[in-house]
Amino acid sequence: MGLKYFIAGLAVMLFLTWGMIYFQNSSIEKVSARNGSIDILEIIDTNGGSFFVLADTGDFLTGEIYEKGLLGWKVKGISQALNDRKNETVIRPDNIGYVSNGDIGFYYGYADAGKVEAVKLTSGGKEMSSKVNAYYWVIPVASDINNGSFFANQFSAVLKDGTEVFYPFTEIN
C-alpha cells in the first residue's frame, strides 16, 4: 500500500516539475525575454520544426534559431549581436549577421529605410532579396549556397532612387 502512494507521489512531483519547466519555456517570447527587454521583429519558420527569430534589445539586433522540445522552446543557434543601430550610416557593412540551422541560413542587418529600398544577395544564379523594414532586413538563404560568406559583387543594396551599390557600400557611407 505504501509503495503505491510513494510511486503516485513521485509521479505527481515529476509531472509538476515538468510543468513548471515547460511553462517557463512555453513560448519563444518567454525564452528570449530571459535576456532582458526585447522586441521580436521577425519569426520565420524554417520548415524543419525550427524558427529563426530576429530580435531588438534596444542596443543590439540578434538572430537566433529556436526549437521546441519536450521541455518547451530552447535556443539551438545564435549569431553575433549587431550594434550601432543609432549610427547615421545608410547601411553598415560591418554589421551583417548570419546564423544557420541545417539547410537554411539567415543574413540580417541594419539599414536606413529612408534611403535603402532593399538588400540583395546573388549566388549560384539565384537572387534573394529583402525589403528594408523600418531599420532592419532579413534574407533567408539555403545554407549550402555560401555557408555564411559571400564575395563583394554578390551582396548589394538598392537605394530608393534605384541605384544598386555593392558591398562594402563605400559610395554611400
Protein backbone atom coordinates (compact mmCIF):
# COMPACT_ATOMS: atom_id res chain seq x y z
CA MET A 1 0.00 0.00 0.00
CA GLY A 2 2.81 2.45 0.94
CA LEU A 3 4.69 1.74 -2.29
CA LYS A 4 1.66 2.78 -4.39
CA TYR A 5 1.47 6.14 -2.59
CA PHE A 6 5.22 6.64 -2.98
CA ILE A 7 5.07 5.95 -6.74
CA ALA A 8 1.97 8.15 -7.13
CA GLY A 9 3.67 10.96 -5.17
CA LEU A 10 6.82 10.62 -7.22
CA ALA A 11 4.80 10.74 -10.46
CA VAL A 12 2.97 13.88 -9.27
CA MET A 13 6.30 15.54 -8.34
CA LEU A 14 7.80 14.69 -11.74
CA PHE A 15 4.73 15.99 -13.56
CA LEU A 16 4.72 19.23 -11.53
CA THR A 17 8.45 19.74 -12.15
CA TRP A 18 8.00 19.13 -15.88
CA GLY A 19 5.01 21.52 -15.90
CA MET A 20 6.95 24.30 -14.20
CA ILE A 21 9.90 23.94 -16.60
CA TYR A 22 7.61 23.69 -19.63
CA PHE A 23 5.58 26.75 -18.57
CA GLN A 24 8.76 28.84 -18.32
CA ASN A 25 9.73 27.71 -21.84
CA SER A 26 6.25 27.54 -23.37
CA SER A 27 6.79 30.30 -25.93
CA ILE A 28 9.65 31.83 -27.88
CA GLU A 29 8.80 35.17 -26.31
CA LYS A 30 9.27 33.80 -22.77
CA VAL A 31 12.61 32.18 -23.59
CA SER A 32 14.00 35.22 -25.40
CA ALA A 33 12.79 37.61 -22.66
CA ARG A 34 15.24 35.99 -20.23
CA ASN A 35 17.95 38.15 -21.81
CA GLY A 36 16.12 41.32 -20.77
CA SER A 37 13.62 43.51 -22.53
CA ILE A 38 13.42 42.67 -26.24
CA ASP A 39 11.24 43.42 -29.22
CA ILE A 40 10.78 40.46 -31.57
CA LEU A 41 10.90 41.83 -35.11
CA GLU A 42 10.56 38.63 -37.17
CA ILE A 43 9.76 34.97 -36.56
CA ILE A 44 10.39 32.81 -39.64
CA ASP A 45 9.55 29.10 -39.83
CA THR A 46 12.48 27.10 -41.24
CA ASN A 47 10.11 24.27 -42.26
CA GLY A 48 12.06 21.82 -40.13
CA GLY A 49 10.49 22.38 -36.72
CA SER A 50 12.81 25.31 -36.01
CA PHE A 51 12.23 29.04 -36.14
CA PHE A 52 14.53 31.97 -36.88
CA VAL A 53 13.92 34.90 -34.53
CA LEU A 54 15.22 38.40 -35.19
CA ALA A 55 15.05 40.49 -32.04
CA ASP A 56 15.97 44.03 -30.99
CA THR A 57 17.20 44.62 -27.44
CA GLY A 58 17.24 48.39 -27.90
CA ASP A 59 21.02 48.36 -28.30
CA PHE A 60 21.57 45.23 -30.36
CA LEU A 61 19.99 43.24 -33.15
CA THR A 62 20.23 39.46 -32.61
CA GLY A 63 19.45 36.44 -34.76
CA GLU A 64 18.63 33.13 -33.05
CA ILE A 65 17.32 29.71 -34.01
CA TYR A 66 14.72 28.15 -31.68
CA GLU A 67 13.43 24.57 -31.48
CA LYS A 68 10.61 23.13 -29.44
CA GLY A 69 11.29 20.00 -27.43
CA LEU A 70 9.86 18.03 -24.54
CA LEU A 71 10.72 20.81 -22.08
CA GLY A 72 9.50 23.65 -24.33
CA TRP A 73 11.39 26.08 -26.55
CA LYS A 74 15.17 26.39 -26.46
CA VAL A 75 17.84 28.26 -28.38
CA LYS A 76 19.67 25.99 -30.86
CA GLY A 77 21.80 28.58 -32.64
CA ILE A 78 22.79 32.19 -32.14
CA SER A 79 24.81 34.67 -34.15
CA GLN A 80 26.79 37.67 -33.07
CA ALA A 81 24.77 40.62 -31.83
CA LEU A 82 24.88 43.65 -34.12
CA ASN A 83 25.19 47.12 -32.63
CA ASP A 84 25.49 50.69 -33.95
CA ARG A 85 21.80 51.00 -34.72
CA LYS A 86 21.94 54.66 -33.84
CA ASN A 87 24.82 55.24 -36.26
CA GLU A 88 23.92 57.55 -39.14
CA THR A 89 25.35 55.20 -41.78
CA VAL A 90 23.00 54.22 -44.62
CA ILE A 91 23.89 50.51 -44.41
CA ARG A 92 26.54 49.05 -42.13
CA PRO A 93 28.93 46.71 -43.96
CA ASP A 94 30.47 45.53 -40.68
CA ASN A 95 27.05 44.79 -39.20
CA ILE A 96 25.79 41.91 -41.28
CA GLY A 97 24.82 38.92 -39.16
CA TYR A 98 24.43 35.30 -40.21
CA VAL A 99 23.02 32.25 -38.45
CA SER A 100 22.15 28.87 -39.92
CA ASN A 101 20.22 25.77 -38.98
CA GLY A 102 20.84 22.78 -41.20
CA ASP A 103 19.65 23.55 -44.70
CA ILE A 104 18.68 27.19 -44.18
CA GLY A 105 20.60 30.27 -43.12
CA PHE A 106 19.64 33.88 -42.46
CA TYR A 107 21.52 37.08 -43.21
CA TYR A 108 20.28 40.15 -41.36
CA GLY A 109 21.38 43.66 -40.51
CA TYR A 110 20.67 47.36 -40.16
CA ALA A 111 19.84 49.76 -42.98
CA ASP A 112 18.28 53.22 -43.22
CA ALA A 113 14.79 52.57 -44.64
CA GLY A 114 14.58 56.19 -45.75
CA LYS A 115 17.46 55.64 -48.16
CA VAL A 116 17.61 51.87 -48.85
CA GLU A 117 14.74 50.10 -50.62
CA ALA A 118 16.10 46.54 -50.47
CA VAL A 119 19.13 44.38 -49.82
CA LYS A 120 20.09 41.64 -52.33
CA LEU A 121 22.31 38.58 -52.31
CA THR A 122 23.09 36.75 -55.56
CA SER A 123 24.68 33.31 -55.51
CA GLY A 124 24.65 30.31 -57.82
CA GLY A 125 22.37 32.10 -60.28
CA LYS A 126 19.80 32.74 -57.54
CA GLU A 127 18.83 36.18 -56.33
CA MET A 128 17.46 36.58 -52.82
CA SER A 129 16.31 39.95 -51.53
CA SER A 130 14.63 41.66 -48.63
CA LYS A 131 12.84 44.97 -48.36
CA VAL A 132 14.15 47.16 -45.56
CA ASN A 133 11.54 47.27 -42.77
CA ALA A 134 11.90 50.42 -40.66
CA TYR A 135 15.61 49.84 -39.89
CA TYR A 136 16.36 46.15 -40.50
CA TRP A 137 16.33 43.47 -43.21
CA VAL A 138 16.42 39.64 -43.29
CA ILE A 139 17.38 37.35 -46.20
CA PRO A 140 16.72 33.60 -45.83
CA VAL A 141 19.13 31.51 -47.94
CA ALA A 142 19.95 27.87 -48.48
CA SER A 143 22.92 27.45 -46.13
CA ASP A 144 24.81 25.29 -48.63
CA ILE A 145 24.89 28.22 -51.09
CA ASN A 146 27.74 30.02 -49.34
CA ASN A 147 27.83 28.92 -45.71
CA GLY A 148 27.69 32.48 -44.41
CA SER A 149 30.31 34.05 -46.66
CA PHE A 150 29.97 35.99 -49.89
CA PHE A 151 32.00 37.95 -52.43
CA ALA A 152 31.59 41.73 -52.62
CA ASN A 153 29.86 41.52 -56.01
CA GLN A 154 27.21 39.14 -54.60
CA PHE A 155 25.85 41.47 -51.93
CA SER A 156 24.19 44.79 -52.74
CA ALA A 157 21.80 47.45 -51.53
CA VAL A 158 19.18 49.00 -53.81
CA LEU A 159 18.65 52.65 -52.94
CA LYS A 160 15.30 54.46 -53.12
CA ASP A 161 16.34 56.06 -56.44
CA GLY A 162 17.01 52.59 -57.95
CA THR A 163 20.80 52.78 -57.76
CA GLU A 164 22.44 49.49 -56.80
CA VAL A 165 25.59 49.72 -54.67
CA PHE A 166 27.74 46.72 -53.78
CA TYR A 167 29.40 45.64 -50.57
CA PRO A 168 31.25 47.35 -48.77
CA PHE A 169 28.97 50.26 -49.80
CA THR A 170 31.78 52.86 -49.82
CA GLU A 171 29.85 55.01 -52.32
CA ILE A 172 27.11 55.80 -49.81
CA ASN A 173 28.81 55.63 -46.39
